[in-house]
N, C-alpha and C. Protein backbone atom coordinates (compact mmCIF):
# COMPACT_ATOMS: atom_id res chain seq x y z
N MET A 1 87.09 133.25 97.08
CA MET A 1 86.53 134.43 97.71
C MET A 1 86.04 135.40 96.63
N SER A 2 84.95 135.04 96.01
CA SER A 2 84.45 135.85 94.92
C SER A 2 83.49 136.94 95.39
N SER A 3 82.96 136.80 96.58
CA SER A 3 81.98 137.74 97.07
C SER A 3 82.66 138.92 97.74
N LEU A 4 82.16 140.11 97.45
CA LEU A 4 82.72 141.32 98.05
C LEU A 4 82.47 141.36 99.56
N GLU A 5 81.32 140.83 99.99
CA GLU A 5 81.04 140.79 101.42
C GLU A 5 81.98 139.87 102.16
N ALA A 6 82.30 138.74 101.56
CA ALA A 6 83.24 137.79 102.19
C ALA A 6 84.63 138.40 102.27
N LEU A 7 85.03 139.10 101.22
CA LEU A 7 86.33 139.79 101.22
C LEU A 7 86.38 140.84 102.31
N PHE A 8 85.30 141.62 102.45
CA PHE A 8 85.26 142.64 103.49
C PHE A 8 85.31 142.03 104.88
N CYS A 9 84.59 140.94 105.10
CA CYS A 9 84.59 140.31 106.43
C CYS A 9 85.98 139.80 106.81
N GLU A 10 86.67 139.19 105.86
CA GLU A 10 88.02 138.70 106.12
C GLU A 10 88.97 139.85 106.44
N ILE A 11 88.91 140.91 105.67
CA ILE A 11 89.78 142.06 105.88
C ILE A 11 89.42 142.78 107.16
N ASP A 12 88.14 142.89 107.48
CA ASP A 12 87.71 143.56 108.71
C ASP A 12 88.17 142.77 109.93
N ASP A 13 88.08 141.45 109.89
CA ASP A 13 88.59 140.64 111.00
C ASP A 13 90.08 140.85 111.19
N PHE A 14 90.82 140.91 110.09
CA PHE A 14 92.26 141.16 110.17
C PHE A 14 92.54 142.53 110.77
N CYS A 15 91.82 143.56 110.32
CA CYS A 15 92.07 144.92 110.77
C CYS A 15 91.74 145.13 112.24
N THR A 16 90.71 144.45 112.76
CA THR A 16 90.38 144.59 114.17
C THR A 16 91.48 144.01 115.04
N TYR A 17 92.22 143.03 114.55
CA TYR A 17 93.33 142.46 115.29
C TYR A 17 94.62 143.26 115.06
N PHE A 18 94.84 143.68 113.82
CA PHE A 18 96.10 144.30 113.43
C PHE A 18 96.25 145.75 113.87
N GLU A 19 95.20 146.55 113.71
CA GLU A 19 95.31 148.00 113.92
C GLU A 19 95.72 148.39 115.35
N PRO A 20 95.15 147.79 116.41
CA PRO A 20 95.63 148.16 117.75
C PRO A 20 97.09 147.81 118.00
N GLN A 21 97.53 146.66 117.46
CA GLN A 21 98.93 146.28 117.62
C GLN A 21 99.85 147.23 116.85
N TRP A 22 99.41 147.63 115.69
CA TRP A 22 100.21 148.53 114.86
C TRP A 22 100.39 149.89 115.55
N HIS A 23 99.28 150.42 116.10
CA HIS A 23 99.36 151.72 116.79
C HIS A 23 100.20 151.64 118.05
N SER A 24 100.23 150.50 118.71
CA SER A 24 101.02 150.38 119.93
C SER A 24 102.52 150.30 119.63
N GLN A 25 102.89 149.90 118.42
CA GLN A 25 104.30 149.74 118.08
C GLN A 25 104.87 150.90 117.27
N LEU A 26 104.07 151.91 117.00
CA LEU A 26 104.58 153.07 116.26
C LEU A 26 105.57 153.85 117.12
N LEU A 27 106.61 154.31 116.51
CA LEU A 27 107.61 155.10 117.23
C LEU A 27 107.19 156.56 117.22
N GLY A 28 107.27 157.20 118.36
CA GLY A 28 106.96 158.61 118.43
C GLY A 28 108.21 159.44 118.23
N HIS A 29 108.04 160.66 117.77
CA HIS A 29 109.17 161.54 117.58
C HIS A 29 109.10 162.76 118.48
N GLY A 30 108.25 162.71 119.49
CA GLY A 30 108.17 163.78 120.46
C GLY A 30 107.25 164.93 120.08
N LEU A 31 106.80 164.99 118.87
CA LEU A 31 105.92 166.06 118.43
C LEU A 31 104.48 165.60 118.51
N GLN A 32 103.60 166.55 118.62
CA GLN A 32 102.18 166.23 118.67
C GLN A 32 101.71 165.81 117.28
N THR A 33 100.98 164.73 117.20
CA THR A 33 100.47 164.25 115.90
C THR A 33 98.95 164.37 115.90
N ARG A 34 98.43 164.60 114.72
CA ARG A 34 96.98 164.71 114.55
C ARG A 34 96.41 163.34 114.23
N LYS A 35 95.21 163.11 114.71
CA LYS A 35 94.46 161.91 114.35
C LYS A 35 93.12 162.37 113.83
N ARG A 36 93.09 162.66 112.55
CA ARG A 36 91.86 163.14 111.93
C ARG A 36 90.88 161.99 111.72
N ALA A 37 89.62 162.32 111.78
CA ALA A 37 88.60 161.32 111.48
C ALA A 37 88.57 161.06 109.98
N ARG A 38 88.49 159.80 109.62
CA ARG A 38 88.44 159.42 108.21
C ARG A 38 87.02 159.16 107.78
N CYS A 39 86.78 159.32 106.50
CA CYS A 39 85.45 158.99 105.95
C CYS A 39 85.28 157.49 105.84
N LEU A 40 86.35 156.79 105.49
CA LEU A 40 86.32 155.34 105.36
C LEU A 40 87.26 154.74 106.41
N CYS A 41 86.87 153.61 106.96
CA CYS A 41 87.76 152.94 107.91
C CYS A 41 88.82 152.16 107.13
N LEU A 42 89.84 151.69 107.84
CA LEU A 42 90.95 151.00 107.19
C LEU A 42 90.49 149.75 106.45
N SER A 43 89.55 149.01 107.02
CA SER A 43 89.09 147.79 106.36
C SER A 43 88.34 148.09 105.07
N GLU A 44 87.62 149.21 105.01
CA GLU A 44 86.92 149.58 103.77
C GLU A 44 87.93 149.98 102.69
N ILE A 45 88.96 150.71 103.07
CA ILE A 45 90.00 151.10 102.10
C ILE A 45 90.70 149.86 101.56
N MET A 46 91.06 148.94 102.46
CA MET A 46 91.76 147.73 102.03
C MET A 46 90.86 146.84 101.19
N THR A 47 89.57 146.83 101.44
CA THR A 47 88.64 146.04 100.63
C THR A 47 88.57 146.59 99.21
N ILE A 48 88.52 147.92 99.08
CA ILE A 48 88.50 148.53 97.75
C ILE A 48 89.77 148.18 96.99
N LEU A 49 90.92 148.26 97.66
CA LEU A 49 92.18 147.92 97.00
C LEU A 49 92.28 146.44 96.66
N GLY A 50 91.79 145.58 97.55
CA GLY A 50 91.80 144.15 97.27
C GLY A 50 90.90 143.79 96.10
N ALA A 51 89.72 144.41 96.03
CA ALA A 51 88.82 144.15 94.91
C ALA A 51 89.39 144.70 93.61
N PHE A 52 90.10 145.81 93.68
CA PHE A 52 90.76 146.36 92.48
C PHE A 52 91.77 145.36 91.91
N HIS A 53 92.53 144.73 92.78
CA HIS A 53 93.52 143.76 92.31
C HIS A 53 92.89 142.48 91.79
N GLN A 54 91.67 142.17 92.23
CA GLN A 54 90.99 140.98 91.72
C GLN A 54 90.37 141.22 90.35
N HIS A 55 90.03 142.47 90.04
CA HIS A 55 89.47 142.80 88.72
C HIS A 55 90.61 143.06 87.74
N HIS A 56 90.28 143.17 86.50
CA HIS A 56 91.30 143.32 85.47
C HIS A 56 91.33 144.74 84.92
N TYR A 57 91.31 145.71 85.80
CA TYR A 57 91.43 147.09 85.37
C TYR A 57 92.90 147.48 85.28
N ARG A 58 93.22 148.36 84.37
CA ARG A 58 94.62 148.76 84.20
C ARG A 58 95.02 149.88 85.14
N ASN A 59 94.07 150.74 85.53
CA ASN A 59 94.41 151.78 86.50
C ASN A 59 93.27 151.96 87.50
N PHE A 60 93.63 152.52 88.64
CA PHE A 60 92.69 152.62 89.74
C PHE A 60 91.59 153.63 89.47
N LYS A 61 91.87 154.66 88.70
CA LYS A 61 90.87 155.69 88.44
C LYS A 61 89.66 155.11 87.72
N HIS A 62 89.89 154.33 86.68
CA HIS A 62 88.77 153.73 85.94
C HIS A 62 88.01 152.73 86.81
N TYR A 63 88.73 151.97 87.63
CA TYR A 63 88.05 151.04 88.54
C TYR A 63 87.17 151.80 89.53
N TYR A 64 87.70 152.86 90.11
CA TYR A 64 86.94 153.63 91.10
C TYR A 64 85.70 154.26 90.49
N ILE A 65 85.84 154.82 89.29
CA ILE A 65 84.70 155.47 88.63
C ILE A 65 83.64 154.44 88.24
N ASN A 66 84.05 153.28 87.73
CA ASN A 66 83.10 152.29 87.24
C ASN A 66 82.52 151.39 88.31
N CYS A 67 83.25 151.11 89.38
CA CYS A 67 82.78 150.12 90.36
C CYS A 67 82.49 150.68 91.74
N VAL A 68 83.25 151.64 92.20
CA VAL A 68 83.12 152.10 93.57
C VAL A 68 82.15 153.27 93.70
N SER A 69 82.29 154.26 92.84
CA SER A 69 81.51 155.49 93.00
C SER A 69 80.12 155.43 92.39
N ILE A 70 79.64 154.26 92.11
CA ILE A 70 78.30 154.10 91.52
C ILE A 70 77.24 154.46 92.53
């Protein structure tokens, strides 16, 4: 899985199945919780983290500056 698009597709397929099940099993504590809109969806965040682990960067900041924020 060397392609970033292939990695994203695999993670996105997983997230479409996983996220609804995860939200249905969360325990509530009786208080109102906020659900803010995110700039990135869960599959995009997980793709960035997965690609970071595939590259040989020592810290996430340098990876983000050199590969993601271009």
